[in-house]
Every structure is written in C-alpha cells, then in structure tokens.
Protein backbone atom coordinates (compact mmCIF):
# COMPACT_ATOMS: atom_id res chain seq x y z
CA MET A 1 131.76 132.64 27.16
CA PRO A 2 129.61 132.71 30.30
CA LYS A 3 130.36 134.86 33.11
CA ARG A 4 131.40 131.57 35.01
CA PHE A 5 132.92 128.42 33.59
CA PHE A 6 133.49 125.29 35.69
CA VAL A 7 135.65 122.70 34.74
CA VAL A 8 135.85 119.39 36.47
CA GLY A 9 138.75 117.18 36.32
CA ASP A 10 139.07 113.44 35.93
CA ILE A 11 136.77 111.14 38.22
CA HIS A 12 137.78 107.75 37.39
CA GLY A 13 134.74 105.90 39.00
CA CYS A 14 134.59 107.88 41.90
CA PRO A 15 130.78 108.88 42.41
CA GLU A 16 130.62 110.03 45.89
CA GLU A 17 133.29 112.69 45.62
CA LEU A 18 131.49 113.79 42.03
CA ALA A 19 128.09 114.00 43.88
CA ILE A 20 129.49 116.14 46.78
CA LEU A 21 131.08 118.51 44.37
CA VAL A 22 128.08 118.96 42.26
CA GLN A 23 126.00 119.43 45.20
CA HIS A 24 128.37 122.38 46.55
CA LEU A 25 128.12 123.80 43.21
CA GLU A 26 124.50 124.13 43.33
CA LYS A 27 124.04 124.86 46.79
CA ASN A 28 126.97 126.99 47.78
CA GLU A 29 128.05 128.49 44.13
CA GLY A 30 124.51 128.76 42.81
CA LEU A 31 125.46 126.90 39.66
CA SER A 32 122.58 127.53 37.09
CA GLN A 33 121.88 126.95 33.53
CA SER A 34 123.74 130.13 32.55
CA ASP A 35 127.00 129.07 33.64
CA GLY A 36 129.50 126.93 31.70
CA LEU A 37 129.97 123.52 33.00
CA LEU A 38 132.47 121.07 31.25
CA PHE A 39 133.93 117.74 32.44
CA ILE A 40 137.56 116.92 31.00
CA GLY A 41 136.94 113.29 30.52
CA ASP A 42 137.99 109.72 32.08
CA TYR A 43 135.01 108.99 34.24
CA VAL A 44 135.40 105.39 34.27
CA ASP A 45 138.14 102.98 34.99
CA ARG A 46 140.30 102.32 37.98
CA GLY A 47 137.65 103.15 40.79
CA PRO A 48 134.85 101.32 41.99
CA GLY A 49 131.70 103.12 40.60
CA SER A 50 132.21 103.89 36.77
CA LYS A 51 128.64 102.68 36.21
CA ASP A 52 127.26 105.15 38.84
CA VAL A 53 129.40 107.96 37.56
CA ILE A 54 127.83 107.66 34.02
CA ASP A 55 124.31 107.39 35.52
CA PHE A 56 125.18 110.46 37.35
CA LEU A 57 126.20 112.46 34.53
CA ILE A 58 123.50 111.45 32.46
CA GLY A 59 121.04 112.65 35.05
CA LEU A 60 123.16 115.75 35.36
CA ARG A 61 122.64 116.70 31.53
CA ALA A 62 118.93 116.66 31.92
CA GLY A 63 119.39 119.56 34.46
CA TYR A 64 122.26 121.16 32.55
CA PRO A 65 121.48 120.50 29.05
CA ASP A 66 124.49 122.82 27.51
CA ALA A 67 126.75 120.94 29.77
CA ILE A 68 129.79 119.83 27.83
CA PHE A 69 131.41 116.35 28.40
CA LEU A 70 134.76 115.38 26.79
CA LYS A 71 136.03 112.21 25.78
CA GLY A 72 139.13 110.85 27.61
CA ASN A 73 141.46 108.02 26.87
CA HIS A 74 139.46 105.54 28.97
CA GLU A 75 136.36 106.15 27.32
CA ASP A 76 138.33 105.80 24.11
CA MET A 77 139.59 102.41 25.36
CA LEU A 78 135.82 101.01 26.60
CA LEU A 79 134.32 102.17 23.20
CA SER A 80 137.02 100.10 21.47
CA PHE A 81 136.54 97.03 23.78
CA LEU A 82 132.93 97.54 22.87
CA GLY A 83 133.37 97.33 19.12
CA TYR A 84 132.90 100.89 18.56
CA PRO A 85 135.82 103.20 16.96
CA GLY A 86 138.57 104.12 19.50
CA ARG A 87 142.14 102.83 20.53
CA GLU A 88 143.83 100.03 22.67
CA GLY A 89 140.68 98.22 23.22
CA MET A 90 142.84 95.02 23.54
CA ALA A 91 144.90 96.41 26.45
CA TYR A 92 141.35 98.00 28.17
CA LEU A 93 140.93 95.30 31.21
CA GLN A 94 144.58 95.46 32.07
CA ASN A 95 144.52 99.45 32.10
CA GLY A 96 141.72 100.26 34.61
CA GLY A 97 138.96 98.43 32.83
CA ALA A 98 138.61 95.46 35.06
CA GLU A 99 137.25 97.69 37.70
CA CYS A 100 134.78 99.15 35.21
CA VAL A 101 133.29 95.99 34.00
CA THR A 102 132.98 94.91 37.64
CA SER A 103 130.53 97.81 38.11
CA TYR A 104 128.40 96.72 35.21
CA GLY A 105 127.73 93.34 36.83
CA ILE A 106 130.70 91.21 35.81
CA GLU A 107 132.30 88.99 38.75
CA ALA A 108 135.38 90.84 40.07
CA GLY A 109 137.39 87.55 40.36
CA ARG A 110 137.06 86.90 36.31
CA ALA A 111 136.90 90.60 35.44
CA LYS A 112 140.53 90.68 33.39
CA GLN A 113 139.11 87.64 31.42
CA THR A 114 135.75 89.36 30.15
CA THR A 115 134.79 89.46 26.50
CA ARG A 116 133.23 91.90 24.57
CA GLU A 117 130.14 89.53 24.15
CA GLU A 118 130.02 89.00 27.95
CA LEU A 119 130.01 93.00 28.83
CA ALA A 120 128.07 94.26 25.82
CA PRO A 121 124.51 93.54 26.95
CA LYS A 122 125.28 94.63 30.38
CA VAL A 123 126.10 98.26 29.53
CA PRO A 124 122.70 100.12 29.01
CA ALA A 125 122.31 101.83 25.36
CA GLU A 126 121.91 105.12 27.16
CA HIS A 127 125.67 104.71 28.35
CA VAL A 128 126.69 103.83 24.93
CA GLN A 129 124.93 106.90 23.45
CA PHE A 130 126.65 109.07 26.09
CA LEU A 131 130.12 107.87 25.44
CA ARG A 132 129.73 107.81 21.74
CA ALA A 133 128.47 111.41 21.94
CA LEU A 134 131.45 112.78 24.03
CA GLU A 135 133.42 115.92 22.44
CA SER A 136 136.93 115.70 21.70
CA TYR A 137 137.80 119.37 22.30
CA VAL A 138 136.13 122.70 23.03
CA LEU A 139 137.49 126.30 22.06
CA THR A 140 136.54 129.56 23.72
CA PRO A 141 137.82 132.90 23.25
CA ASP A 142 140.51 132.43 25.89
CA PHE A 143 140.82 128.52 26.40
CA VAL A 144 141.23 125.43 24.99
CA PHE A 145 139.48 122.18 26.63
CA ALA A 146 141.05 118.88 25.72
CA HIS A 147 141.32 115.82 27.94
CA ALA A 148 145.03 115.07 27.42
CA GLY A 149 146.14 118.33 25.61
CA LEU A 150 147.28 119.17 22.12
CA ASN A 151 149.98 118.39 19.62
CA PRO A 152 152.03 121.72 19.81
CA LEU A 153 153.47 120.91 16.26
CA ARG A 154 149.92 121.07 14.96
CA ASP A 155 147.80 124.12 14.76
CA LEU A 156 144.26 124.12 16.31
CA LYS A 157 142.46 122.90 13.10
CA HIS A 158 144.39 119.88 12.52
CA GLN A 159 144.52 118.19 15.99
CA VAL A 160 143.95 114.27 16.02
CA ASP A 161 142.14 112.37 18.64
CA GLU A 162 144.89 110.35 19.10
CA ASP A 163 146.79 113.35 20.68
CA LEU A 164 143.48 114.79 22.12
CA PHE A 165 142.97 111.72 24.47
CA TRP A 166 146.43 110.56 24.73
CA ILE A 167 149.13 112.88 24.42
CA ARG A 168 151.42 113.60 27.71
CA ASP A 169 154.92 114.79 27.69
CA GLU A 170 155.08 115.97 24.04
CA PHE A 171 152.60 118.54 25.27
CA ILE A 172 153.34 119.12 28.70
CA SER A 173 157.22 119.51 28.22
CA ASN A 174 157.01 121.73 25.30
CA LEU A 175 155.79 125.43 24.71
CA HIS A 176 152.89 125.97 22.55
CA TYR A 177 151.88 128.83 20.36
CA PHE A 178 148.04 128.65 20.16
CA ARG A 179 147.30 132.08 21.99
CA LYS A 180 145.05 130.43 24.66
CA THR A 181 145.55 128.65 27.73
CA VAL A 182 145.11 124.90 27.49
CA VAL A 183 143.08 123.31 30.23
CA PHE A 184 143.71 119.35 30.58
CA GLY A 185 143.58 116.50 32.52
CA HIS A 186 145.03 112.75 32.16
CA THR A 187 148.33 113.25 33.65
CA PRO A 188 147.79 113.07 37.45
CA TYR A 189 149.56 115.65 39.84
CA GLU A 190 149.45 116.13 43.45
CA ASN A 191 148.29 119.41 42.91
CA VAL A 192 146.74 121.59 39.92
CA LEU A 193 149.53 122.93 37.62
CA PHE A 194 149.42 126.46 37.23
CA ASN A 195 153.04 127.06 36.49
CA LEU A 196 153.14 125.81 33.10
CA PRO A 197 153.13 128.64 30.59
CA TYR A 198 149.59 128.74 28.92
CA LYS A 199 148.49 125.46 30.30
CA ILE A 200 146.53 124.39 33.46
CA GLY A 201 146.44 120.68 34.38
CA ILE A 202 143.46 119.29 36.62
CA ASP A 203 143.85 115.64 37.16
CA THR A 204 144.71 115.68 40.85
CA GLY A 205 144.64 112.02 41.16
CA LEU A 206 141.35 111.36 43.00
CA VAL A 207 141.31 107.55 42.39
CA TYR A 208 144.81 107.42 43.77
CA GLY A 209 143.51 108.85 47.11
CA ASN A 210 144.36 112.78 46.36
CA LYS A 211 141.32 115.11 45.32
CA LEU A 212 138.92 115.66 42.63
CA SER A 213 139.48 119.31 41.46
CA CYS A 214 137.15 121.77 39.71
CA LEU A 215 138.08 125.34 38.33
CA GLU A 216 136.13 128.22 37.77
CA VAL A 217 138.28 129.60 35.02
CA VAL A 218 136.71 133.10 34.67
CA GLY A 219 136.88 133.90 38.37
CA HIS A 220 140.16 131.80 39.21
CA LYS A 221 138.44 129.80 41.71
CA LEU A 222 139.66 126.30 42.91
CA LEU A 223 137.46 123.72 44.45
CA GLN A 224 138.62 120.41 45.48
CA VAL A 225 137.14 117.21 47.23
CA PRO A 226 139.50 114.99 48.89
CA ARG A 227 139.18 111.34 48.34
CA GLY A 228 136.70 109.73 50.91
CA LYS A 229 135.79 113.18 52.46
CA LYS A 230 132.49 114.99 52.54
CA GLU A 231 133.86 118.51 52.38
CA VAL A 232 134.86 121.09 49.64
CA ILE A 233 138.00 122.94 50.00
CA VAL A 234 137.55 126.43 48.24
CA LYS A 235 140.55 128.59 47.28
CA GLU A 236 139.72 132.11 45.68
CA GLY A 237 142.23 133.62 43.45
CA ALA A 238 144.08 130.10 42.81
CA TRP A 239 146.31 131.59 40.13
C-alpha cells in the first residue's frame, strides 16, 4: 500500500467542490502518482453537474493513471437506464437521474420523461467506457473500499454487486469479521463516521448542502470542502 492513500467520498454532480479538493491535494498536499487515490462512487445524479464531474474524473485519470474509481449505485442505475447491466434503471429518473440527464442536454422541464433513446446519443462514448470500467471494490492489507459496504454474512470472496453498491443498514448496524476496516460512502451523514467498529463512512452529504470529504487513511488526515465554498478544512489525526 502507498505511504499515503486518499479516499474521496460521494460527489453527486458537484464539480466545483471536487475541483477545489483536487487542487488542494496537488498544491498543498503534494499529491503525486506515488500516492494512492480512490473515489468511492456516486459521481452522478442529484447535483447539477454530473457530466462535468465525469469529464473532470476522466481528465484526472490521465494524470494519475493508477487512480481507482469505484462504482456506486447511481452509476449502476444510469448504466441500467442506458441498457447496460445494472439495477433499478426503470426508477432512475425519479432517484436523482433527472438532474443527470439535464446535464447531458435534456430539457429540464421534461427530464423525468426522458427515454433511453433520447439520452444515449448525448452521453459520450468515453463516458460510457468510464462508467462500465468502474470497479466493484478494492482490498488492501488493512482496508476494504466499497461504495455501500459489505454483506457481513458473506466472506470477502463471495460479495455480490447488489450489496457492494446498495447495502445499507444490514452492513452499518451489524458487526463484521473481515479483519480489515471497511471504508464506504452511499449513506450520508453530517460528519464522517469514525465510531463504527472497523467501518468508516465518508459520505457527508455534499449535494445536500454539507461537505465533500476526503480521507488520507494511512496518516489519519481528514480534508473537507463545504458546499459552495472555496476552502478546504483540514484536520490532522482525525481518528
């Protein structure tokens, strides 16, 4: 595992805060290709700039080719809506997808009536390739990174995508015995959850007006960008 490993929480169509965070990592933290960099998923939906977020992440990958991008349930829904393997595509537009399709050029007033045939030509092939290449989960010697969490009743080798992208209370409210700390997003809280045994929740509800959170998990540093602000709040020894 790299000496530093940065993990970024749910972005949900908020490109400005994402750009501020990455700029800070590069200029103030000295982010380099030798560092670990992982995004926990849910890049799209709810916020106004899903397309811009995906553009930004694709551009970022060019400079950090080893960066890891996990799939969240909202990417899963978008892919399903577009006709690729995934879940809940039929419910996509009622679950934050309307804002996403608007960012791709669908008229806002009829976004919730968008059809697959209307949206598909507006989504660049590069975006589809990016979405389809997202990883389900990542293991390191000390951590598991998964968008929603893990099913505590299954061993690590037998986790399924439905749980990795969608699980909630069954994971959060129950002990697990994976002998690793599970870092997850998906379920928003006002503050990062450090007080769960061997679990860290990093979705701090950016799109709902709270903050984008980033953890450097080796050095226990927390970096946060409040919604609509151009500042990064840094806390050393966060847990």
